[in-house]
C-alpha atoms as a PDB file:
ATOM      1  CA  MET A   1     -90.058 177.083-173.754  1.00  0.00           C
ATOM      2  CA  ASN A   2     -87.690 179.454-171.986  1.00  0.00           C
ATOM      3  CA  GLN A   3     -86.020 176.755-169.919  1.00  0.00           C
ATOM      4  CA  SER A   4     -84.752 173.533-171.433  1.00  0.00           C
ATOM      5  CA  LEU A   5     -87.493 171.157-172.538  1.00  0.00           C
ATOM      6  CA  ARG A   6     -86.321 168.491-170.104  1.00  0.00           C
ATOM      7  CA  SER A   7     -86.360 170.821-167.106  1.00  0.00           C
ATOM      8  CA  ARG A   8     -89.852 172.058-168.001  1.00  0.00           C
ATOM      9  CA  VAL A   9     -91.438 168.626-168.256  1.00  0.00           C
ATOM     10  CA  ALA A  10     -89.595 167.526-165.099  1.00  0.00           C
ATOM     11  CA  ARG A  11     -91.760 169.990-163.143  1.00  0.00           C
ATOM     12  CA  LEU A  12     -94.706 167.721-163.862  1.00  0.00           C
ATOM     13  CA  LEU A  13     -93.146 164.926-161.789  1.00  0.00           C
ATOM     14  CA  CYS A  14     -93.357 164.266-158.039  1.00  0.00           C
ATOM     15  CA  VAL A  15     -90.837 161.697-156.804  1.00  0.00           C
ATOM     16  CA  GLY A  16     -90.004 159.674-153.719  1.00  0.00           C
ATOM     17  CA  PHE A  17     -86.623 158.535-152.400  1.00  0.00           C
ATOM     18  CA  PRO A  18     -85.349 156.078-149.756  1.00  0.00           C
ATOM     19  CA  GLY A  19     -83.984 156.938-146.327  1.00  0.00           C
ATOM     20  CA  ASN A  20     -83.870 160.025-144.143  1.00  0.00           C
ATOM     21  CA  ALA A  21     -81.541 162.103-146.304  1.00  0.00           C
ATOM     22  CA  PRO A  22     -81.677 163.060-149.987  1.00  0.00           C
ATOM     23  CA  ASP A  23     -79.624 160.679-152.125  1.00  0.00           C
ATOM     24  CA  ALA A  24     -77.715 161.175-155.375  1.00  0.00           C
ATOM     25  CA  ASP A  25     -80.689 160.056-157.465  1.00  0.00           C
ATOM     26  CA  LEU A  26     -82.942 162.697-155.923  1.00  0.00           C
ATOM     27  CA  ALA A  27     -80.265 165.361-156.301  1.00  0.00           C
ATOM     28  CA  GLY A  28     -79.926 164.428-159.961  1.00  0.00           C
ATOM     29  CA  LEU A  29     -83.669 164.615-160.531  1.00  0.00           C
ATOM     30  CA  VAL A  30     -83.816 168.057-158.918  1.00  0.00           C
ATOM     31  CA  ALA A  31     -80.929 169.145-161.142  1.00  0.00           C
ATOM     32  CA  ASP A  32     -83.039 167.929-164.075  1.00  0.00           C
ATOM     33  CA  GLY A  33     -85.915 170.178-162.961  1.00  0.00           C
ATOM     34  CA  VAL A  34     -88.043 168.134-160.551  1.00  0.00           C
ATOM     35  CA  ARG A  35     -89.555 170.394-157.873  1.00  0.00           C
ATOM     36  CA  SER A  36     -91.999 168.088-156.047  1.00  0.00           C
ATOM     37  CA  VAL A  37     -91.079 165.327-153.584  1.00  0.00           C
ATOM     38  CA  ILE A  38     -93.253 162.862-151.647  1.00  0.00           C
ATOM     39  CA  LEU A  39     -92.285 161.339-148.297  1.00  0.00           C
ATOM     40  CA  PHE A  40     -93.283 157.942-146.889  1.00  0.00           C
ATOM     41  CA  ALA A  41     -92.780 156.021-143.653  1.00  0.00           C
ATOM     42  CA  ARG A  42     -89.379 154.986-145.036  1.00  0.00           C
ATOM     43  CA  ASN A  43     -88.333 158.644-144.713  1.00  0.00           C
ATOM     44  CA  ALA A  44     -89.775 159.105-141.219  1.00  0.00           C
ATOM     45  CA  GLY A  45     -88.352 159.215-137.711  1.00  0.00           C
ATOM     46  CA  PRO A  46     -88.660 161.562-134.747  1.00  0.00           C
ATOM     47  CA  LYS A  47     -90.276 164.879-135.599  1.00  0.00           C
ATOM     48  CA  SER A  48     -87.016 166.808-135.339  1.00  0.00           C
ATOM     49  CA  GLU A  49     -85.349 164.417-137.795  1.00  0.00           C
ATOM     50  CA  VAL A  50     -88.223 164.675-140.262  1.00  0.00           C
ATOM     51  CA  ALA A  51     -87.856 168.461-140.180  1.00  0.00           C
ATOM     52  CA  LYS A  52     -84.149 168.075-141.009  1.00  0.00           C
ATOM     53  CA  THR A  53     -84.943 165.669-143.852  1.00  0.00           C
ATOM     54  CA  ILE A  54     -87.449 168.089-145.366  1.00  0.00           C
ATOM     55  CA  ALA A  55     -85.094 171.059-145.012  1.00  0.00           C
ATOM     56  CA  ALA A  56     -82.351 169.056-146.739  1.00  0.00           C
ATOM     57  CA  VAL A  57     -84.715 168.183-149.590  1.00  0.00           C
ATOM     58  CA  LYS A  58     -85.756 171.790-150.012  1.00  0.00           C
ATOM     59  CA  ARG A  59     -82.139 172.960-150.026  1.00  0.00           C
ATOM     60  CA  LEU A  60     -81.468 170.820-153.109  1.00  0.00           C
ATOM     61  CA  SER A  61     -82.985 173.602-155.191  1.00  0.00           C
ATOM     62  CA  PRO A  62     -80.370 176.015-156.535  1.00  0.00           C
ATOM     63  CA  ASP A  63     -82.722 178.804-155.396  1.00  0.00           C
ATOM     64  CA  PRO A  64     -84.709 177.483-152.400  1.00  0.00           C
ATOM     65  CA  VAL A  65     -86.686 180.727-152.011  1.00  0.00           C
ATOM     66  CA  GLY A  66     -87.260 181.827-155.595  1.00  0.00           C
ATOM     67  CA  ASP A  67     -87.591 178.322-157.057  1.00  0.00           C
ATOM     68  CA  PRO A  68     -88.664 176.162-154.115  1.00  0.00           C
ATOM     69  CA  ILE A  69     -89.330 172.457-153.764  1.00  0.00           C
ATOM     70  CA  LEU A  70     -92.762 171.214-152.673  1.00  0.00           C
ATOM     71  CA  VAL A  71     -92.787 168.386-150.132  1.00  0.00           C
ATOM     72  CA  CYS A  72     -95.940 166.321-149.647  1.00  0.00           C
ATOM     73  CA  VAL A  73     -97.062 163.280-147.674  1.00  0.00           C
ATOM     74  CA  ASP A  74    -100.062 160.940-147.231  1.00  0.00           C
ATOM     75  CA  GLN A  75    -100.965 161.745-143.624  1.00  0.00           C
ATOM     76  CA  GLU A  76    -104.615 160.695-143.711  1.00  0.00           C
ATOM     77  CA  GLY A  77    -105.280 159.054-140.360  1.00  0.00           C
ATOM     78  CA  GLY A  78    -105.848 155.561-138.996  1.00  0.00           C
ATOM     79  CA  ASP A  79    -103.647 153.024-140.759  1.00  0.00           C
ATOM     80  CA  THR A  80    -102.660 155.482-143.492  1.00  0.00           C
ATOM     81  CA  VAL A  81    -100.101 157.658-141.755  1.00  0.00           C
ATOM     82  CA  ARG A  82     -96.435 158.129-142.581  1.00  0.00           C
ATOM     83  CA  PHE A  83     -95.272 160.134-139.564  1.00  0.00           C
ATOM     84  CA  THR A  84     -95.950 158.895-136.038  1.00  0.00           C
ATOM     85  CA  GLU A  85     -93.034 159.490-133.639  1.00  0.00           C
ATOM     86  CA  ASP A  86     -93.629 162.812-131.824  1.00  0.00           C
ATOM     87  CA  PHE A  87     -96.409 163.591-134.317  1.00  0.00           C
ATOM     88  CA  ASP A  88    -100.170 163.848-133.776  1.00  0.00           C
ATOM     89  CA  PRO A  89    -101.601 161.447-136.398  1.00  0.00           C
ATOM     90  CA  PRO A  90    -105.375 161.603-136.886  1.00  0.00           C
ATOM     91  CA  PRO A  91    -107.758 158.738-136.121  1.00  0.00           C
ATOM     92  CA  PRO A  92    -109.455 156.789-138.929  1.00  0.00           C
ATOM     93  CA  MET A  93    -111.681 159.084-140.958  1.00  0.00           C
ATOM     94  CA  ARG A  94    -114.621 156.754-140.359  1.00  0.00           C
ATOM     95  CA  GLU A  95    -114.464 157.794-136.689  1.00  0.00           C
ATOM     96  CA  VAL A  96    -114.148 161.443-137.668  1.00  0.00           C
ATOM     97  CA  GLY A  97    -117.163 161.213-139.971  1.00  0.00           C
ATOM     98  CA  ALA A  98    -119.228 159.630-137.208  1.00  0.00           C
ATOM     99  CA  ALA A  99    -118.285 162.509-134.903  1.00  0.00           C
ATOM    100  CA  GLY A 100    -119.312 165.138-137.446  1.00  0.00           C
ATOM    101  CA  VAL A 101    -118.226 168.331-139.152  1.00  0.00           C
ATOM    102  CA  GLU A 102    -116.650 170.022-136.131  1.00  0.00           C
ATOM    103  CA  ALA A 103    -114.492 166.976-135.496  1.00  0.00           C
ATOM    104  CA  ALA A 104    -113.361 167.028-139.135  1.00  0.00           C
ATOM    105  CA  ALA A 105    -112.424 170.700-138.847  1.00  0.00           C
ATOM    106  CA  ALA A 106    -110.510 169.984-135.650  1.00  0.00           C
ATOM    107  CA  VAL A 107    -108.572 167.217-137.399  1.00  0.00           C
ATOM    108  CA  GLY A 108    -107.743 169.612-140.219  1.00  0.00           C
ATOM    109  CA  ARG A 109    -106.422 172.201-137.782  1.00  0.00           C
ATOM    110  CA  ARG A 110    -104.286 169.620-135.989  1.00  0.00           C
ATOM    111  CA  LEU A 111    -102.910 168.304-139.263  1.00  0.00           C
ATOM    112  CA  ALA A 112    -101.959 171.769-140.414  1.00  0.00           C
ATOM    113  CA  MET A 113    -100.180 172.578-137.158  1.00  0.00           C
ATOM    114  CA  ASP A 114     -98.391 169.234-137.098  1.00  0.00           C
ATOM    115  CA  LEU A 115     -97.218 169.104-140.707  1.00  0.00           C
ATOM    116  CA  LEU A 116     -96.424 172.774-141.245  1.00  0.00           C
ATOM    117  CA  SER A 117     -94.105 172.629-138.240  1.00  0.00           C
ATOM    118  CA  VAL A 118     -91.755 170.284-140.135  1.00  0.00           C
ATOM    119  CA  GLY A 119     -92.055 171.970-143.529  1.00  0.00           C
ATOM    120  CA  ILE A 120     -94.696 169.866-145.302  1.00  0.00           C
ATOM    121  CA  ASP A 121     -96.526 171.940-147.922  1.00  0.00           C
ATOM    122  CA  LEU A 122     -99.207 169.542-149.170  1.00  0.00           C
ATOM    123  CA  ASP A 123    -101.046 166.734-147.411  1.00  0.00           C
ATOM    124  CA  LEU A 124    -102.514 164.204-149.833  1.00  0.00           C
ATOM    125  CA  ALA A 125    -105.764 164.138-147.877  1.00  0.00           C
ATOM    126  CA  PRO A 126    -108.672 163.963-147.310  1.00  0.00           C
ATOM    127  CA  VAL A 127    -110.108 160.855-148.911  1.00  0.00           C
ATOM    128  CA  MET A 128    -113.406 161.909-150.505  1.00  0.00           C
ATOM    129  CA  ASP A 129    -114.437 158.408-151.565  1.00  0.00           C
ATOM    130  CA  VAL A 130    -117.822 157.219-150.317  1.00  0.00           C
ATOM    131  CA  ASP A 131    -117.426 153.925-148.424  1.00  0.00           C
ATOM    132  CA  SER A 132    -120.327 152.241-150.216  1.00  0.00           C
ATOM    133  CA  ASN A 133    -118.869 148.734-150.643  1.00  0.00           C
ATOM    134  CA  PRO A 134    -118.142 146.694-147.481  1.00  0.00           C
ATOM    135  CA  ALA A 135    -115.891 144.429-149.585  1.00  0.00           C
ATOM    136  CA  ASN A 136    -113.622 147.312-150.601  1.00  0.00           C
ATOM    137  CA  PRO A 137    -110.064 146.240-149.669  1.00  0.00           C
ATOM    138  CA  VAL A 138    -108.397 149.662-149.795  1.00  0.00           C
ATOM    139  CA  ILE A 139    -110.774 152.485-148.724  1.00  0.00           C
ATOM    140  CA  GLY A 140    -112.944 151.398-145.773  1.00  0.00           C
ATOM    141  CA  PRO A 141    -112.052 153.434-142.649  1.00  0.00           C
ATOM    142  CA  ARG A 142    -110.084 155.928-144.776  1.00  0.00           C
ATOM    143  CA  SER A 143    -113.495 157.317-145.813  1.00  0.00           C
ATOM    144  CA  PHE A 144    -115.667 159.594-143.676  1.00  0.00           C
ATOM    145  CA  GLY A 145    -118.606 157.264-144.230  1.00  0.00           C
ATOM    146  CA  ASN A 146    -121.071 155.591-146.557  1.00  0.00           C
ATOM    147  CA  GLU A 147    -123.281 158.634-147.193  1.00  0.00           C
ATOM    148  CA  PRO A 148    -122.257 161.228-149.800  1.00  0.00           C
ATOM    149  CA  GLY A 149    -123.590 164.033-147.603  1.00  0.00           C
ATOM    150  CA  ILE A 150    -121.417 163.074-144.638  1.00  0.00           C
ATOM    151  CA  VAL A 151    -118.315 162.689-146.804  1.00  0.00           C
ATOM    152  CA  SER A 152    -119.009 166.016-148.512  1.00  0.00           C
ATOM    153  CA  ALA A 153    -119.564 168.012-145.328  1.00  0.00           C
ATOM    154  CA  CYS A 154    -116.696 166.518-143.325  1.00  0.00           C
ATOM    155  CA  GLY A 155    -114.264 166.654-146.218  1.00  0.00           C
ATOM    156  CA  ALA A 156    -115.053 170.284-146.988  1.00  0.00           C
ATOM    157  CA  ALA A 157    -114.638 171.238-143.320  1.00  0.00           C
ATOM    158  CA  MET A 158    -111.288 169.485-143.112  1.00  0.00           C
ATOM    159  CA  ILE A 159    -110.043 171.085-146.349  1.00  0.00           C
ATOM    160  CA  ASP A 160    -111.029 174.554-145.170  1.00  0.00           C
ATOM    161  CA  ALA A 161    -109.348 174.046-141.792  1.00  0.00           C
ATOM    162  CA  MET A 162    -106.121 172.831-143.391  1.00  0.00           C
ATOM    163  CA  GLN A 163    -105.850 175.410-146.129  1.00  0.00           C
ATOM    164  CA  SER A 164    -106.893 178.422-144.070  1.00  0.00           C
ATOM    165  CA  ARG A 165    -103.828 177.682-141.936  1.00  0.00           C
ATOM    166  CA  GLY A 166    -101.480 177.304-144.892  1.00  0.00           C
ATOM    167  CA  LEU A 167    -101.401 173.549-145.587  1.00  0.00           C
ATOM    168  CA  ALA A 168    -102.549 172.540-149.073  1.00  0.00           C
ATOM    169  CA  ALA A 169    -105.090 169.702-149.253  1.00  0.00           C
ATOM    170  CA  CYS A 170    -105.721 167.101-151.942  1.00  0.00           C
ATOM    171  CA  ALA A 171    -109.117 165.426-152.373  1.00  0.00           C
ATOM    172  CA  LYS A 172    -108.854 161.843-153.563  1.00  0.00           C
ATOM    173  CA  HIS A 173    -109.442 159.487-155.419  1.00  0.00           C
ATOM    174  CA  PHE A 174    -111.387 161.030-158.329  1.00  0.00           C
ATOM    175  CA  PRO A 175    -113.944 160.040-159.623  1.00  0.00           C
ATOM    176  CA  GLY A 176    -114.251 157.680-156.634  1.00  0.00           C
ATOM    177  CA  HIS A 177    -112.604 154.480-155.361  1.00  0.00           C
ATOM    178  CA  GLY A 178    -115.224 153.712-152.711  1.00  0.00           C
ATOM    179  CA  ASP A 179    -117.275 151.034-154.452  1.00  0.00           C
ATOM    180  CA  THR A 180    -114.481 148.867-155.840  1.00  0.00           C
ATOM    181  CA  ASP A 181    -113.777 145.322-154.707  1.00  0.00           C
ATOM    182  CA  LEU A 182    -110.165 145.412-155.921  1.00  0.00           C
ATOM    183  CA  ASP A 183    -107.184 147.453-154.724  1.00  0.00           C
ATOM    184  CA  SER A 184    -105.571 149.509-157.508  1.00  0.00           C
ATOM    185  CA  HIS A 185    -102.202 149.021-155.813  1.00  0.00           C
ATOM    186  CA  HIS A 186    -102.432 145.425-157.062  1.00  0.00           C
ATOM    187  CA  ASP A 187    -105.156 145.235-159.752  1.00  0.00           C
ATOM    188  CA  LEU A 188    -107.119 147.432-162.172  1.00  0.00           C
ATOM    189  CA  PRO A 189    -110.651 147.853-160.770  1.00  0.00           C
ATOM    190  CA  VAL A 190    -113.614 148.429-163.087  1.00  0.00           C
ATOM    191  CA  LEU A 191    -116.867 150.151-162.071  1.00  0.00           C
ATOM    192  CA  ARG A 192    -119.931 149.647-164.254  1.00  0.00           C
ATOM    193  CA  HIS A 193    -122.357 152.081-162.609  1.00  0.00           C
ATOM    194  CA  GLY A 194    -124.325 154.402-164.861  1.00  0.00           C
ATOM    195  CA  MET A 195    -123.743 158.155-164.807  1.00  0.00           C
ATOM    196  CA  GLU A 196    -126.885 158.805-162.763  1.00  0.00           C
ATOM    197  CA  ARG A 197    -125.507 156.736-159.886  1.00  0.00           C
ATOM    198  CA  ILE A 198    -122.026 158.275-160.253  1.00  0.00           C
ATOM    199  CA  ARG A 199    -123.504 161.788-160.059  1.00  0.00           C
ATOM    200  CA  GLU A 200    -125.572 160.834-157.012  1.00  0.00           C
ATOM    201  CA  VAL A 201    -122.906 159.005-154.979  1.00  0.00           C
ATOM    202  CA  GLU A 202    -119.331 159.403-156.200  1.00  0.00           C
ATOM    203  CA  LEU A 203    -119.246 163.012-157.413  1.00  0.00           C
ATOM    204  CA  PRO A 204    -120.919 165.113-154.660  1.00  0.00           C
ATOM    205  CA  PRO A 205    -117.900 164.944-152.287  1.00  0.00           C
ATOM    206  CA  PHE A 206    -115.576 166.144-155.036  1.00  0.00           C
ATOM    207  CA  ARG A 207    -117.975 168.941-155.910  1.00  0.00           C
ATOM    208  CA  ALA A 208    -117.964 169.938-152.224  1.00  0.00           C
ATOM    209  CA  ALA A 209    -114.150 169.845-152.157  1.00  0.00           C
ATOM    210  CA  ILE A 210    -113.994 172.122-155.194  1.00  0.00           C
ATOM    211  CA  GLU A 211    -116.469 174.527-153.611  1.00  0.00           C
ATOM    212  CA  ALA A 212    -114.231 174.545-150.518  1.00  0.00           C
ATOM    213  CA  GLY A 213    -111.329 175.662-152.731  1.00  0.00           C
ATOM    214  CA  VAL A 214    -109.270 172.472-152.537  1.00  0.00           C
ATOM    215  CA  ALA A 215    -105.807 173.044-154.007  1.00  0.00           C
ATOM    216  CA  ALA A 216    -105.457 169.626-155.644  1.00  0.00           C
ATOM    217  CA  ILE A 217    -107.433 166.551-156.626  1.00  0.00           C
ATOM    218  CA  MET A 218    -105.892 163.104-157.094  1.00  0.00           C
ATOM    219  CA  THR A 219    -107.101 160.757-159.814  1.00  0.00           C
ATOM    220  CA  THR A 220    -107.676 157.052-159.329  1.00  0.00           C
ATOM    221  CA  HIS A 221    -106.510 154.110-161.401  1.00  0.00           C
ATOM    222  CA  VAL A 222    -110.062 152.805-161.770  1.00  0.00           C
ATOM    223  CA  VAL A 223    -111.953 152.261-165.025  1.00  0.00           C
ATOM    224  CA  PHE A 224    -115.419 153.872-165.057  1.00  0.00           C
ATOM    225  CA  GLU A 225    -117.233 152.217-167.942  1.00  0.00           C
ATOM    226  CA  ALA A 226    -119.876 154.959-168.095  1.00  0.00           C
ATOM    227  CA  ILE A 227    -117.222 157.685-168.389  1.00  0.00           C
ATOM    228  CA  ASP A 228    -114.532 156.141-170.598  1.00  0.00           C
ATOM    229  CA  PRO A 229    -114.824 152.384-171.287  1.00  0.00           C
ATOM    230  CA  GLY A 230    -111.601 150.487-170.706  1.00  0.00           C
ATOM    231  CA  VAL A 231    -109.549 153.536-169.714  1.00  0.00           C
ATOM    232  CA  PRO A 232    -108.360 154.178-166.115  1.00  0.00           C
ATOM    233  CA  ALA A 233    -109.465 157.617-164.897  1.00  0.00           C
ATOM    234  CA  THR A 234    -105.826 158.731-164.544  1.00  0.00           C
ATOM    235  CA  MET A 235    -105.423 158.383-168.323  1.00  0.00           C
ATOM    236  CA  SER A 236    -108.953 159.454-169.294  1.00  0.00           C
ATOM    237  CA  ARG A 237    -109.519 162.836-170.926  1.00  0.00           C
ATOM    238  CA  ALA A 238    -113.254 162.270-170.520  1.00  0.00           C
ATOM    239  CA  ALA A 239    -112.813 161.898-166.748  1.00  0.00           C
ATOM    240  CA  ILE A 240    -110.361 164.757-166.198  1.00  0.00           C
ATOM    241  CA  GLU A 241    -110.945 167.412-168.870  1.00  0.00           C
ATOM    242  CA  GLY A 242    -114.562 166.447-169.444  1.00  0.00           C
ATOM    243  CA  LEU A 243    -115.949 165.636-166.013  1.00  0.00           C
ATOM    244  CA  LEU A 244    -113.569 167.148-163.455  1.00  0.00           C
ATOM    245  CA  ARG A 245    -112.662 170.365-165.243  1.00  0.00           C
ATOM    246  CA  GLY A 246    -115.632 170.742-167.597  1.00  0.00           C
ATOM    247  CA  GLU A 247    -118.632 169.621-165.543  1.00  0.00           C
ATOM    248  CA  LEU A 248    -117.340 170.245-162.015  1.00  0.00           C
ATOM    249  CA  GLY A 249    -115.284 173.333-162.879  1.00  0.00           C
ATOM    250  CA  PHE A 250    -112.061 172.399-161.102  1.00  0.00           C
ATOM    251  CA  GLU A 251    -109.194 174.776-161.915  1.00  0.00           C
ATOM    252  CA  GLY A 252    -106.560 173.535-159.483  1.00  0.00           C
ATOM    253  CA  VAL A 253    -103.813 170.935-159.752  1.00  0.00           C
ATOM    254  CA  VAL A 254    -104.737 167.417-160.854  1.00  0.00           C
ATOM    255  CA  ILE A 255    -102.358 164.848-159.356  1.00  0.00           C
ATOM    256  CA  SER A 256    -102.141 161.249-160.502  1.00  0.00           C
ATOM    257  CA  ASP A 257    -102.058 158.409-158.040  1.00  0.00           C
ATOM    258  CA  ASP A 258     -98.689 156.639-158.148  1.00  0.00           C
ATOM    259  CA  LEU A 259     -97.882 155.504-161.687  1.00  0.00           C
ATOM    260  CA  GLU A 260     -95.894 152.629-160.194  1.00  0.00           C
ATOM    261  CA  MET A 261     -99.029 150.991-158.775  1.00  0.00           C
ATOM    262  CA  ALA A 262     -99.853 147.685-160.440  1.00  0.00           C
ATOM    263  CA  ALA A 263    -103.104 148.967-161.968  1.00  0.00           C
ATOM    264  CA  ILE A 264    -100.970 151.095-164.293  1.00  0.00           C
ATOM    265  CA  ALA A 265     -97.453 149.618-164.164  1.00  0.00           C
ATOM    266  CA  GLU A 266     -98.561 146.104-165.120  1.00  0.00           C
ATOM    267  CA  THR A 267    -100.724 147.246-168.023  1.00  0.00           C
ATOM    268  CA  THR A 268     -98.890 150.221-169.566  1.00  0.00           C
ATOM    269  CA  GLU A 269     -95.195 151.094-169.919  1.00  0.00           C
ATOM    270  CA  ILE A 270     -94.565 153.903-167.457  1.00  0.00           C
ATOM    271  CA  GLY A 271     -93.359 156.473-169.965  1.00  0.00           C
ATOM    272  CA  GLU A 272     -96.417 155.862-172.121  1.00  0.00           C
ATOM    273  CA  ALA A 273     -98.660 156.016-169.042  1.00  0.00           C
ATOM    274  CA  ALA A 274     -97.187 159.401-168.128  1.00  0.00           C
ATOM    275  CA  ILE A 275     -97.801 160.762-171.624  1.00  0.00           C
ATOM    276  CA  ARG A 276    -101.385 159.507-171.638  1.00  0.00           C
ATOM    277  CA  ALA A 277    -102.013 161.012-168.200  1.00  0.00           C
ATOM    278  CA  VAL A 278    -100.760 164.421-169.305  1.00  0.00           C
ATOM    279  CA  GLU A 279    -102.799 164.144-172.520  1.00  0.00           C
ATOM    280  CA  ALA A 280    -105.819 163.459-170.315  1.00  0.00           C
ATOM    281  CA  GLY A 281    -105.219 166.556-168.177  1.00  0.00           C
ATOM    282  CA  VAL A 282    -103.052 165.452-165.240  1.00  0.00           C
ATOM    283  CA  ASP A 283    -100.684 168.192-164.040  1.00  0.00           C
ATOM    284  CA  LEU A 284     -98.465 166.407-161.504  1.00  0.00           C
ATOM    285  CA  LEU A 285     -97.417 162.771-161.919  1.00  0.00           C
ATOM    286  CA  LEU A 286     -96.596 160.711-158.856  1.00  0.00           C
ATOM    287  CA  CYS A 287     -93.713 158.268-159.410  1.00  0.00           C
ATOM    288  CA  CYS A 288     -92.778 157.277-155.922  1.00  0.00           C
ATOM    289  CA  HIS A 289     -90.151 154.571-155.847  1.00  0.00           C
ATOM    290  CA  ARG A 290     -87.693 153.659-158.598  1.00  0.00           C
ATOM    291  CA  PRO A 291     -85.261 156.261-159.975  1.00  0.00           C
ATOM    292  CA  GLU A 292     -85.001 154.584-163.359  1.00  0.00           C
ATOM    293  CA  ARG A 293     -88.762 154.881-163.766  1.00  0.00           C
ATOM    294  CA  GLN A 294     -88.694 158.498-162.609  1.00  0.00           C
ATOM    295  CA  ARG A 295     -86.067 159.341-165.215  1.00  0.00           C
ATOM    296  CA  ARG A 296     -88.009 157.388-167.821  1.00  0.00           C
ATOM    297  CA  VAL A 297     -91.070 159.579-167.212  1.00  0.00           C
ATOM    298  CA  ILE A 298     -89.035 162.731-167.843  1.00  0.00           C
ATOM    299  CA  ASP A 299     -87.461 161.247-170.960  1.00  0.00           C
ATOM    300  CA  ALA A 300     -90.842 160.149-172.314  1.00  0.00           C
ATOM    301  CA  LEU A 301     -92.516 163.504-171.738  1.00  0.00           C
ATOM    302  CA  ALA A 302     -89.616 165.398-173.316  1.00  0.00           C
ATOM    303  CA  ALA A 303     -89.701 163.106-176.355  1.00  0.00           C
ATOM    304  CA  ALA A 304     -93.482 163.470-176.653  1.00  0.00           C
ATOM    305  CA  VAL A 305     -93.134 167.268-176.806  1.00  0.00           C
ATOM    306  CA  ALA A 306     -90.207 167.123-179.215  1.00  0.00           C
ATOM    307  CA  GLU A 307     -92.186 164.807-181.500  1.00  0.00           C
ATOM    308  CA  GLY A 308     -95.354 166.921-181.341  1.00  0.00           C
ATOM    309  CA  ARG A 309     -97.513 164.436-179.453  1.00  0.00           C
ATOM    310  CA  LEU A 310     -97.678 166.839-176.492  1.00  0.00           C
ATOM    311  CA  THR A 311     -97.582 170.568-177.132  1.00  0.00           C
ATOM    312  CA  GLU A 312     -95.556 173.120-175.201  1.00  0.00           C
ATOM    313  CA  THR A 313     -98.864 174.890-174.539  1.00  0.00           C
ATOM    314  CA  ARG A 314    -100.174 171.779-172.770  1.00  0.00           C
ATOM    315  CA  ILE A 315     -97.043 171.557-170.619  1.00  0.00           C
ATOM    316  CA  ASP A 316     -97.261 175.257-169.787  1.00  0.00           C
ATOM    317  CA  GLU A 317    -100.883 174.864-168.647  1.00  0.00           C
ATOM    318  CA  SER A 318     -99.773 172.394-165.995  1.00  0.00           C
ATOM    319  CA  ILE A 319     -96.747 174.464-165.014  1.00  0.00           C
ATOM    320  CA  ARG A 320     -99.013 177.484-164.459  1.00  0.00           C
ATOM    321  CA  ARG A 321    -101.451 175.506-162.305  1.00  0.00           C
ATOM    322  CA  ILE A 322     -98.608 173.979-160.283  1.00  0.00           C
ATOM    323  CA  GLY A 323     -97.064 177.443-159.960  1.00  0.00           C
ATOM    324  CA  ARG A 324    -100.250 178.844-158.419  1.00  0.00           C
ATOM    325  CA  LEU A 325    -100.213 176.077-155.806  1.00  0.00           C
ATOM    326  CA  PHE A 326     -96.535 176.793-155.102  1.00  0.00           C
ATOM    327  CA  ASP A 327     -97.206 180.509-154.715  1.00  0.00           C
ATOM    328  CA  ALA A 328     -99.998 179.874-152.229  1.00  0.00           C
ATOM    329  CA  PHE A 329     -98.547 177.070-150.110  1.00  0.00           C
ATOM    330  CA  VAL A 330     -94.902 176.141-150.626  1.00  0.00           C
ATOM    331  CA  GLN A 331     -92.480 177.185-147.872  1.00  0.00           C
ATOM    332  CA  PRO A 332     -88.711 177.628-148.260  1.00  0.00           C
ATOM    333  CA  PRO A 333     -86.459 175.748-145.812  1.00  0.00           C
ATOM    334  CA  GLU A 334     -86.163 177.483-142.479  1.00  0.00           C
ATOM    335  CA  SER A 335     -82.496 178.302-142.990  1.00  0.00           C
ATOM    336  CA  ALA A 336     -83.059 179.840-146.461  1.00  0.00           C
END
């Protein structure tokens, strides 16, 4: 590796921070090589203040133009929005799906205008899960509907509208979180459907997202027994390299859901989880809350490469994919 090993593996990490200004922990992580940051409601405020927060984050890079920082957010709609004051948050996607493809495209255009104006590069949306289980505690109105065709068409329209205006989209939660009765924020869900059902219901929206050119796809911390028994999709090579890249042909950035969610954090030490995710094919690891865990992920990945468990070639594959997303969508701070 041309750069230090630690700084190279740090590019595979996307981190969060508290408050409306970058803190010393975030500055230290950027100095270590981190170039992706996620914002939450804890970082929000009036639109003008959010723009200042994002510009300050982006200026942490020693070269904000040549080596920029990506800033992303979950601005989905309905209850899942991070920015509200002076913003134009979308309605629940269930309402959008009921209104149809043109409504989904209109939401995508509004999102792009709204988020690009403050410097967001990537919106972790849309949800491409099919809302097939009324008992699902976490998806519900975040989904466009309970029919794969509706989810596919509306999601593809929204992705195209966002990305054609310069805002990267992320389809989630692969291979599908729509039919679970547990929330992976708190538990590890298991789906026991056969592959025929998965190909009929869960996968068509992700295929449509890929055909629409979606920049990124987020994995889910759900075990699919038919794909990889006992292994959450985020850490499953069969799910990511086999199904997502091999069968569906996705060549963009694979992002993990937050490694600090209980489905992962309460079953696997976070450094080990990060290594397994990268082994499985994840490019960008979300670690959204605790600095000590964020640093642990970097340490673990660097040690895994040094010990030969992960190869430099594998790390470089992810860096190249992330680099293509950066080239296409990441903006420098306005003052740079």
